All heavy atoms as atom14 arrays in JSON, in Angstrom:
{
  "sequence": "NNLSIICADISMAAEYAHIDDRAYAIIKDYTPGAFTFLLRAGR",
  "atom14_mask": [
    [1, 1, 1, 1, 1, 1, 1, 1, 0, 0, 0, 0, 0, 0],
    [1, 1, 1, 1, 1, 1, 1, 1, 0, 0, 0, 0, 0, 0],
    [1, 1, 1, 1, 1, 1, 1, 1, 0, 0, 0, 0, 0, 0],
    [1, 1, 1, 1, 1, 1, 0, 0, 0, 0, 0, 0, 0, 0],
    [1, 1, 1, 1, 1, 1, 1, 1, 0, 0, 0, 0, 0, 0],
    [1, 1, 1, 1, 1, 1, 1, 1, 0, 0, 0, 0, 0, 0],
    [1, 1, 1, 1, 1, 1, 0, 0, 0, 0, 0, 0, 0, 0],
    [1, 1, 1, 1, 1, 0, 0, 0, 0, 0, 0, 0, 0, 0],
    [1, 1, 1, 1, 1, 1, 1, 1, 0, 0, 0, 0, 0, 0],
    [1, 1, 1, 1, 1, 1, 1, 1, 0, 0, 0, 0, 0, 0],
    [1, 1, 1, 1, 1, 1, 0, 0, 0, 0, 0, 0, 0, 0],
    [1, 1, 1, 1, 1, 1, 1, 1, 0, 0, 0, 0, 0, 0],
    [1, 1, 1, 1, 1, 0, 0, 0, 0, 0, 0, 0, 0, 0],
    [1, 1, 1, 1, 1, 0, 0, 0, 0, 0, 0, 0, 0, 0],
    [1, 1, 1, 1, 1, 1, 1, 1, 1, 0, 0, 0, 0, 0],
    [1, 1, 1, 1, 1, 1, 1, 1, 1, 1, 1, 1, 0, 0],
    [1, 1, 1, 1, 1, 0, 0, 0, 0, 0, 0, 0, 0, 0],
    [1, 1, 1, 1, 1, 1, 1, 1, 1, 1, 0, 0, 0, 0],
    [1, 1, 1, 1, 1, 1, 1, 1, 0, 0, 0, 0, 0, 0],
    [1, 1, 1, 1, 1, 1, 1, 1, 0, 0, 0, 0, 0, 0],
    [1, 1, 1, 1, 1, 1, 1, 1, 0, 0, 0, 0, 0, 0],
    [1, 1, 1, 1, 1, 1, 1, 1, 1, 1, 1, 0, 0, 0],
    [1, 1, 1, 1, 1, 0, 0, 0, 0, 0, 0, 0, 0, 0],
    [1, 1, 1, 1, 1, 1, 1, 1, 1, 1, 1, 1, 0, 0],
    [1, 1, 1, 1, 1, 0, 0, 0, 0, 0, 0, 0, 0, 0],
    [1, 1, 1, 1, 1, 1, 1, 1, 0, 0, 0, 0, 0, 0],
    [1, 1, 1, 1, 1, 1, 1, 1, 0, 0, 0, 0, 0, 0],
    [1, 1, 1, 1, 1, 1, 1, 1, 1, 0, 0, 0, 0, 0],
    [1, 1, 1, 1, 1, 1, 1, 1, 0, 0, 0, 0, 0, 0],
    [1, 1, 1, 1, 1, 1, 1, 1, 1, 1, 1, 1, 0, 0],
    [1, 1, 1, 1, 1, 1, 1, 0, 0, 0, 0, 0, 0, 0],
    [1, 1, 1, 1, 1, 1, 1, 0, 0, 0, 0, 0, 0, 0],
    [1, 1, 1, 1, 0, 0, 0, 0, 0, 0, 0, 0, 0, 0],
    [1, 1, 1, 1, 1, 0, 0, 0, 0, 0, 0, 0, 0, 0],
    [1, 1, 1, 1, 1, 1, 1, 1, 1, 1, 1, 0, 0, 0],
    [1, 1, 1, 1, 1, 1, 1, 0, 0, 0, 0, 0, 0, 0],
    [1, 1, 1, 1, 1, 1, 1, 1, 1, 1, 1, 0, 0, 0],
    [1, 1, 1, 1, 1, 1, 1, 1, 0, 0, 0, 0, 0, 0],
    [1, 1, 1, 1, 1, 1, 1, 1, 0, 0, 0, 0, 0, 0],
    [1, 1, 1, 1, 1, 1, 1, 1, 1, 1, 1, 0, 0, 0],
    [1, 1, 1, 1, 1, 0, 0, 0, 0, 0, 0, 0, 0, 0],
    [1, 1, 1, 1, 0, 0, 0, 0, 0, 0, 0, 0, 0, 0],
    [1, 1, 1, 1, 1, 1, 1, 1, 1, 1, 1, 0, 0, 0]
  ],
  "atom14_positions": [
    [[85.74, 72.77, 124.67], [85.26, 72.82, 126.04], [84.98, 74.25, 126.49], [85.69, 75.18, 126.08], [86.3, 72.2, 126.99], [86.53, 70.72, 126.74], [87.58, 70.32, 126.24], [85.55, 69.89, 127.06], [0.0, 0.0, 0.0], [0.0, 0.0, 0.0], [0.0, 0.0, 0.0], [0.0, 0.0, 0.0], [0.0, 0.0, 0.0], [0.0, 0.0, 0.0]],
    [[83.96, 74.4, 127.3], [83.66, 75.72, 127.85], [84.75, 76.13, 128.83], [85.22, 75.33, 129.64], [82.31, 75.71, 128.57], [81.15, 75.6, 127.61], [81.2, 76.14, 126.51], [80.09, 74.91, 128.01], [0.0, 0.0, 0.0], [0.0, 0.0, 0.0], [0.0, 0.0, 0.0], [0.0, 0.0, 0.0], [0.0, 0.0, 0.0], [0.0, 0.0, 0.0]],
    [[85.17, 77.37, 128.74], [86.18, 77.9, 129.64], [85.56, 79.03, 130.46], [84.7, 79.77, 129.99], [87.37, 78.44, 128.84], [88.14, 77.42, 127.98], [89.22, 78.12, 127.17], [88.75, 76.33, 128.86], [0.0, 0.0, 0.0], [0.0, 0.0, 0.0], [0.0, 0.0, 0.0], [0.0, 0.0, 0.0], [0.0, 0.0, 0.0], [0.0, 0.0, 0.0]],
    [[86.03, 79.13, 131.71], [85.49, 80.15, 132.6], [86.6, 81.02, 133.16], [87.74, 80.59, 133.3], [84.73, 79.5, 133.76], [83.61, 78.78, 133.31], [0.0, 0.0, 0.0], [0.0, 0.0, 0.0], [0.0, 0.0, 0.0], [0.0, 0.0, 0.0], [0.0, 0.0, 0.0], [0.0, 0.0, 0.0], [0.0, 0.0, 0.0], [0.0, 0.0, 0.0]],
    [[86.22, 82.26, 133.48], [87.16, 83.17, 134.1], [86.61, 83.63, 135.44], [85.4, 83.75, 135.62], [87.45, 84.4, 133.21], [86.15, 85.13, 132.82], [88.24, 83.98, 131.97], [86.37, 86.42, 132.02], [0.0, 0.0, 0.0], [0.0, 0.0, 0.0], [0.0, 0.0, 0.0], [0.0, 0.0, 0.0], [0.0, 0.0, 0.0], [0.0, 0.0, 0.0]],
    [[87.53, 83.82, 136.39], [87.18, 84.4, 137.68], [87.56, 85.87, 137.63], [88.69, 86.23, 137.32], [87.93, 83.7, 138.83], [87.39, 82.28, 139.04], [87.81, 84.52, 140.13], [88.13, 81.49, 140.11], [0.0, 0.0, 0.0], [0.0, 0.0, 0.0], [0.0, 0.0, 0.0], [0.0, 0.0, 0.0], [0.0, 0.0, 0.0], [0.0, 0.0, 0.0]],
    [[86.59, 86.72, 137.94], [86.8, 88.17, 137.94], [86.63, 88.72, 139.35], [85.88, 88.16, 140.15], [85.82, 88.87, 137.0], [86.0, 88.39, 135.26], [0.0, 0.0, 0.0], [0.0, 0.0, 0.0], [0.0, 0.0, 0.0], [0.0, 0.0, 0.0], [0.0, 0.0, 0.0], [0.0, 0.0, 0.0], [0.0, 0.0, 0.0], [0.0, 0.0, 0.0]],
    [[87.3, 89.81, 139.62], [87.22, 90.42, 140.95], [85.87, 91.08, 141.18], [85.41, 91.18, 142.32], [88.35, 91.42, 141.14], [0.0, 0.0, 0.0], [0.0, 0.0, 0.0], [0.0, 0.0, 0.0], [0.0, 0.0, 0.0], [0.0, 0.0, 0.0], [0.0, 0.0, 0.0], [0.0, 0.0, 0.0], [0.0, 0.0, 0.0], [0.0, 0.0, 0.0]],
    [[85.24, 91.56, 140.09], [83.98, 92.27, 140.21], [83.33, 92.38, 138.84], [83.89, 91.91, 137.83], [84.18, 93.66, 140.82], [85.29, 94.46, 140.15], [85.44, 94.34, 138.92], [86.0, 95.19, 140.85], [0.0, 0.0, 0.0], [0.0, 0.0, 0.0], [0.0, 0.0, 0.0], [0.0, 0.0, 0.0], [0.0, 0.0, 0.0], [0.0, 0.0, 0.0]],
    [[82.16, 93.0, 138.79], [81.43, 93.11, 137.52], [82.19, 94.0, 136.54], [82.19, 93.76, 135.34], [80.01, 93.65, 137.75], [79.22, 92.72, 138.68], [79.26, 93.76, 136.42], [77.82, 93.21, 139.0], [0.0, 0.0, 0.0], [0.0, 0.0, 0.0], [0.0, 0.0, 0.0], [0.0, 0.0, 0.0], [0.0, 0.0, 0.0], [0.0, 0.0, 0.0]],
    [[82.84, 95.04, 137.04], [83.58, 95.93, 136.16], [84.66, 95.18, 135.39], [84.84, 95.38, 134.19], [84.21, 97.08, 136.96], [83.21, 97.91, 137.5], [0.0, 0.0, 0.0], [0.0, 0.0, 0.0], [0.0, 0.0, 0.0], [0.0, 0.0, 0.0], [0.0, 0.0, 0.0], [0.0, 0.0, 0.0], [0.0, 0.0, 0.0], [0.0, 0.0, 0.0]],
    [[85.37, 94.3, 136.08], [86.39, 93.49, 135.4], [85.74, 92.56, 134.4], [86.22, 92.4, 133.27], [87.21, 92.69, 136.41], [88.32, 91.85, 135.79], [89.28, 90.88, 137.01], [90.22, 92.18, 137.81], [0.0, 0.0, 0.0], [0.0, 0.0, 0.0], [0.0, 0.0, 0.0], [0.0, 0.0, 0.0], [0.0, 0.0, 0.0], [0.0, 0.0, 0.0]],
    [[84.62, 91.94, 134.78], [83.93, 91.02, 133.87], [83.49, 91.73, 132.61], [83.56, 91.16, 131.51], [82.73, 90.39, 134.58], [0.0, 0.0, 0.0], [0.0, 0.0, 0.0], [0.0, 0.0, 0.0], [0.0, 0.0, 0.0], [0.0, 0.0, 0.0], [0.0, 0.0, 0.0], [0.0, 0.0, 0.0], [0.0, 0.0, 0.0], [0.0, 0.0, 0.0]],
    [[83.05, 92.98, 132.75], [82.54, 93.73, 131.6], [83.62, 94.05, 130.58], [83.3, 94.38, 129.43], [81.87, 95.02, 132.07], [0.0, 0.0, 0.0], [0.0, 0.0, 0.0], [0.0, 0.0, 0.0], [0.0, 0.0, 0.0], [0.0, 0.0, 0.0], [0.0, 0.0, 0.0], [0.0, 0.0, 0.0], [0.0, 0.0, 0.0], [0.0, 0.0, 0.0]],
    [[84.88, 93.94, 130.96], [85.97, 94.17, 130.01], [86.15, 92.98, 129.07], [86.75, 93.12, 128.01], [87.27, 94.42, 130.76], [87.29, 95.68, 131.6], [88.62, 95.89, 132.28], [89.66, 95.49, 131.7], [88.64, 96.42, 133.4], [0.0, 0.0, 0.0], [0.0, 0.0, 0.0], [0.0, 0.0, 0.0], [0.0, 0.0, 0.0], [0.0, 0.0, 0.0]],
    [[85.62, 91.83, 129.47], [85.85, 90.6, 128.7], [84.58, 89.91, 128.23], [84.64, 88.92, 127.52], [86.7, 89.63, 129.55], [88.03, 90.22, 129.91], [88.18, 90.94, 131.1], [89.12, 90.1, 129.07], [89.39, 91.52, 131.43], [90.33, 90.67, 129.39], [90.47, 91.39, 130.56], [91.68, 91.97, 130.88], [0.0, 0.0, 0.0], [0.0, 0.0, 0.0]],
    [[83.42, 90.41, 128.64], [82.14, 89.82, 128.24], [81.12, 90.94, 128.03], [81.23, 92.01, 128.63], [81.65, 88.85, 129.31], [0.0, 0.0, 0.0], [0.0, 0.0, 0.0], [0.0, 0.0, 0.0], [0.0, 0.0, 0.0], [0.0, 0.0, 0.0], [0.0, 0.0, 0.0], [0.0, 0.0, 0.0], [0.0, 0.0, 0.0], [0.0, 0.0, 0.0]],
    [[80.15, 90.66, 127.18], [79.07, 91.62, 126.94], [78.03, 91.47, 128.05], [77.41, 90.42, 128.19], [78.43, 91.38, 125.58], [79.32, 91.7, 124.42], [79.62, 92.99, 124.05], [79.99, 90.89, 123.56], [80.43, 92.97, 123.01], [80.67, 91.71, 122.69], [0.0, 0.0, 0.0], [0.0, 0.0, 0.0], [0.0, 0.0, 0.0], [0.0, 0.0, 0.0]],
    [[77.82, 92.54, 128.81], [76.86, 92.52, 129.91], [75.86, 93.65, 129.69], [76.2, 94.83, 129.88], [77.57, 92.68, 131.26], [78.62, 91.57, 131.46], [76.55, 92.64, 132.4], [79.41, 91.7, 132.75], [0.0, 0.0, 0.0], [0.0, 0.0, 0.0], [0.0, 0.0, 0.0], [0.0, 0.0, 0.0], [0.0, 0.0, 0.0], [0.0, 0.0, 0.0]],
    [[74.65, 93.29, 129.28], [73.64, 94.33, 129.09], [72.96, 94.65, 130.42], [73.32, 94.09, 131.47], [72.63, 93.92, 128.01], [71.86, 92.64, 128.36], [71.75, 92.32, 129.57], [71.36, 91.98, 127.44], [0.0, 0.0, 0.0], [0.0, 0.0, 0.0], [0.0, 0.0, 0.0], [0.0, 0.0, 0.0], [0.0, 0.0, 0.0], [0.0, 0.0, 0.0]],
    [[72.0, 95.55, 130.39], [71.39, 96.02, 131.64], [70.73, 94.89, 132.42], [70.85, 94.82, 133.66], [70.37, 97.11, 131.34], [71.01, 98.41, 130.86], [72.24, 98.55, 131.04], [70.29, 99.27, 130.32], [0.0, 0.0, 0.0], [0.0, 0.0, 0.0], [0.0, 0.0, 0.0], [0.0, 0.0, 0.0], [0.0, 0.0, 0.0], [0.0, 0.0, 0.0]],
    [[70.0, 94.01, 131.72], [69.31, 92.91, 132.39], [70.31, 91.94, 133.01], [70.17, 91.53, 134.16], [68.4, 92.19, 131.4], [67.74, 90.91, 131.91], [66.84, 91.14, 133.1], [66.15, 89.92, 133.47], [65.71, 89.65, 134.69], [65.87, 90.53, 135.66], [65.08, 88.52, 134.95], [0.0, 0.0, 0.0], [0.0, 0.0, 0.0], [0.0, 0.0, 0.0]],
    [[71.34, 91.59, 132.24], [72.36, 90.68, 132.76], [73.08, 91.32, 133.95], [73.37, 90.65, 134.95], [73.36, 90.33, 131.65], [0.0, 0.0, 0.0], [0.0, 0.0, 0.0], [0.0, 0.0, 0.0], [0.0, 0.0, 0.0], [0.0, 0.0, 0.0], [0.0, 0.0, 0.0], [0.0, 0.0, 0.0], [0.0, 0.0, 0.0], [0.0, 0.0, 0.0]],
    [[73.36, 92.61, 133.84], [74.04, 93.32, 134.93], [73.21, 93.23, 136.22], [73.76, 92.97, 137.3], [74.26, 94.78, 134.55], [74.93, 95.6, 135.64], [76.32, 95.7, 135.7], [74.17, 96.24, 136.61], [76.93, 96.43, 136.71], [74.77, 96.97, 137.62], [76.15, 97.06, 137.66], [76.74, 97.79, 138.67], [0.0, 0.0, 0.0], [0.0, 0.0, 0.0]],
    [[71.91, 93.44, 136.1], [71.05, 93.41, 137.28], [71.07, 92.03, 137.95], [71.13, 91.91, 139.18], [69.63, 93.79, 136.9], [0.0, 0.0, 0.0], [0.0, 0.0, 0.0], [0.0, 0.0, 0.0], [0.0, 0.0, 0.0], [0.0, 0.0, 0.0], [0.0, 0.0, 0.0], [0.0, 0.0, 0.0], [0.0, 0.0, 0.0], [0.0, 0.0, 0.0]],
    [[71.03, 90.97, 137.13], [71.04, 89.61, 137.68], [72.37, 89.33, 138.34], [72.43, 88.82, 139.47], [70.75, 88.58, 136.57], [69.31, 88.73, 136.07], [70.99, 87.16, 137.07], [68.99, 87.9, 134.85], [0.0, 0.0, 0.0], [0.0, 0.0, 0.0], [0.0, 0.0, 0.0], [0.0, 0.0, 0.0], [0.0, 0.0, 0.0], [0.0, 0.0, 0.0]],
    [[73.47, 89.65, 137.65], [74.8, 89.38, 138.2], [75.01, 90.17, 139.49], [75.55, 89.65, 140.47], [75.89, 89.7, 137.16], [75.77, 88.76, 135.96], [77.28, 89.58, 137.78], [76.64, 89.15, 134.78], [0.0, 0.0, 0.0], [0.0, 0.0, 0.0], [0.0, 0.0, 0.0], [0.0, 0.0, 0.0], [0.0, 0.0, 0.0], [0.0, 0.0, 0.0]],
    [[74.57, 91.41, 139.5], [74.72, 92.25, 140.7], [73.97, 91.65, 141.89], [74.47, 91.67, 143.02], [74.21, 93.66, 140.42], [74.44, 94.65, 141.55], [74.0, 96.04, 141.14], [74.31, 97.07, 142.22], [73.56, 96.81, 143.47], [0.0, 0.0, 0.0], [0.0, 0.0, 0.0], [0.0, 0.0, 0.0], [0.0, 0.0, 0.0], [0.0, 0.0, 0.0]],
    [[72.78, 91.11, 141.64], [71.98, 90.55, 142.72], [72.55, 89.26, 143.28], [72.31, 88.93, 144.44], [70.55, 90.28, 142.23], [69.71, 91.56, 142.12], [70.14, 92.59, 142.68], [68.66, 91.51, 141.47], [0.0, 0.0, 0.0], [0.0, 0.0, 0.0], [0.0, 0.0, 0.0], [0.0, 0.0, 0.0], [0.0, 0.0, 0.0], [0.0, 0.0, 0.0]],
    [[73.3, 88.51, 142.46], [73.7, 87.17, 142.86], [75.22, 86.98, 142.98], [75.68, 85.85, 143.09], [73.12, 86.13, 141.89], [71.63, 85.99, 142.04], [70.75, 86.66, 141.19], [71.08, 85.2, 143.05], [69.37, 86.53, 141.33], [69.71, 85.07, 143.2], [68.87, 85.74, 142.33], [67.5, 85.61, 142.5], [0.0, 0.0, 0.0], [0.0, 0.0, 0.0]],
    [[75.95, 88.07, 142.98], [77.39, 87.95, 143.2], [77.81, 88.91, 144.31], [77.17, 89.95, 144.51], [78.2, 88.27, 141.92], [77.91, 89.59, 141.47], [77.9, 87.27, 140.83], [0.0, 0.0, 0.0], [0.0, 0.0, 0.0], [0.0, 0.0, 0.0], [0.0, 0.0, 0.0], [0.0, 0.0, 0.0], [0.0, 0.0, 0.0], [0.0, 0.0, 0.0]],
    [[78.87, 88.54, 145.05], [79.61, 87.29, 144.9], [78.73, 86.08, 145.26], [77.93, 86.17, 146.18], [80.76, 87.44, 145.9], [80.88, 88.91, 146.16], [79.47, 89.42, 146.07], [0.0, 0.0, 0.0], [0.0, 0.0, 0.0], [0.0, 0.0, 0.0], [0.0, 0.0, 0.0], [0.0, 0.0, 0.0], [0.0, 0.0, 0.0], [0.0, 0.0, 0.0]],
    [[78.91, 85.01, 144.55], [78.1, 83.84, 144.78], [78.54, 82.65, 143.95], [79.4, 82.77, 143.07], [0.0, 0.0, 0.0], [0.0, 0.0, 0.0], [0.0, 0.0, 0.0], [0.0, 0.0, 0.0], [0.0, 0.0, 0.0], [0.0, 0.0, 0.0], [0.0, 0.0, 0.0], [0.0, 0.0, 0.0], [0.0, 0.0, 0.0], [0.0, 0.0, 0.0]],
    [[77.93, 81.5, 144.23], [78.32, 80.23, 143.61], [77.64, 80.04, 142.26], [76.86, 79.1, 142.05], [78.0, 79.07, 144.54], [0.0, 0.0, 0.0], [0.0, 0.0, 0.0], [0.0, 0.0, 0.0], [0.0, 0.0, 0.0], [0.0, 0.0, 0.0], [0.0, 0.0, 0.0], [0.0, 0.0, 0.0], [0.0, 0.0, 0.0], [0.0, 0.0, 0.0]],
    [[77.92, 80.95, 141.34], [77.31, 80.92, 140.02], [78.38, 81.08, 138.94], [79.35, 81.81, 139.12], [76.28, 82.05, 139.87], [75.17, 81.98, 140.86], [75.25, 82.71, 142.04], [74.06, 81.19, 140.64], [74.23, 82.66, 142.97], [73.03, 81.13, 141.57], [73.12, 81.86, 142.74], [0.0, 0.0, 0.0], [0.0, 0.0, 0.0], [0.0, 0.0, 0.0]],
    [[78.14, 80.42, 137.82], [78.89, 80.68, 136.6], [77.89, 81.23, 135.6], [76.91, 80.57, 135.26], [79.54, 79.4, 136.03], [80.46, 78.87, 136.98], [80.28, 79.71, 134.73], [0.0, 0.0, 0.0], [0.0, 0.0, 0.0], [0.0, 0.0, 0.0], [0.0, 0.0, 0.0], [0.0, 0.0, 0.0], [0.0, 0.0, 0.0], [0.0, 0.0, 0.0]],
    [[78.12, 82.45, 135.15], [77.21, 83.09, 134.2], [77.78, 82.99, 132.8], [78.92, 83.43, 132.55], [77.0, 84.57, 134.57], [76.29, 84.76, 135.88], [76.99, 85.11, 137.02], [74.92, 84.56, 135.97], [76.33, 85.29, 138.23], [74.25, 84.72, 137.18], [74.96, 85.09, 138.32], [0.0, 0.0, 0.0], [0.0, 0.0, 0.0], [0.0, 0.0, 0.0]],
    [[77.02, 82.39, 131.9], [77.43, 82.3, 130.5], [77.02, 83.59, 129.81], [75.84, 83.95, 129.8], [76.78, 81.1, 129.82], [77.09, 79.72, 130.4], [76.39, 78.64, 129.59], [78.6, 79.47, 130.44], [0.0, 0.0, 0.0], [0.0, 0.0, 0.0], [0.0, 0.0, 0.0], [0.0, 0.0, 0.0], [0.0, 0.0, 0.0], [0.0, 0.0, 0.0]],
    [[78.01, 84.26, 129.23], [77.78, 85.55, 128.59], [78.41, 85.55, 127.21], [79.29, 84.74, 126.89], [78.41, 86.66, 129.43], [77.82, 86.86, 130.83], [78.79, 87.59, 131.73], [76.5, 87.63, 130.73], [0.0, 0.0, 0.0], [0.0, 0.0, 0.0], [0.0, 0.0, 0.0], [0.0, 0.0, 0.0], [0.0, 0.0, 0.0], [0.0, 0.0, 0.0]],
    [[77.95, 86.47, 126.38], [78.56, 86.6, 125.06], [79.98, 87.13, 125.21], [80.24, 88.06, 125.97], [77.73, 87.53, 124.17], [76.4, 86.92, 123.74], [75.63, 87.82, 122.78], [75.16, 89.03, 123.44], [75.48, 90.26, 123.06], [76.26, 90.47, 122.02], [75.0, 91.31, 123.71], [0.0, 0.0, 0.0], [0.0, 0.0, 0.0], [0.0, 0.0, 0.0]],
    [[80.9, 86.51, 124.49], [82.32, 86.84, 124.63], [82.61, 88.25, 124.14], [82.05, 88.71, 123.14], [83.17, 85.83, 123.87], [0.0, 0.0, 0.0], [0.0, 0.0, 0.0], [0.0, 0.0, 0.0], [0.0, 0.0, 0.0], [0.0, 0.0, 0.0], [0.0, 0.0, 0.0], [0.0, 0.0, 0.0], [0.0, 0.0, 0.0], [0.0, 0.0, 0.0]],
    [[83.5, 88.93, 124.82], [83.95, 90.25, 124.41], [85.22, 90.17, 123.59], [85.88, 89.12, 123.51], [0.0, 0.0, 0.0], [0.0, 0.0, 0.0], [0.0, 0.0, 0.0], [0.0, 0.0, 0.0], [0.0, 0.0, 0.0], [0.0, 0.0, 0.0], [0.0, 0.0, 0.0], [0.0, 0.0, 0.0], [0.0, 0.0, 0.0], [0.0, 0.0, 0.0]],
    [[85.6, 91.28, 123.0], [86.76, 91.31, 122.12], [88.09, 91.19, 122.86], [89.11, 90.82, 122.26], [86.75, 92.6, 121.3], [85.6, 92.69, 120.31], [85.68, 93.97, 119.5], [84.6, 94.06, 118.53], [84.44, 95.08, 117.7], [85.28, 96.1, 117.74], [83.43, 95.08, 116.84], [0.0, 0.0, 0.0], [0.0, 0.0, 0.0], [0.0, 0.0, 0.0]]
  ]
}
């Protein structure tokens, strides 16, 4: 099953998921908001 995490901000999310420049721009524009963004898992 897909699992999701709630992060306080993009900086916290970037510690656990790969966020490239394009993804960062989209997430920045639409958060905080009612979205779940599927991202490549981080280490």
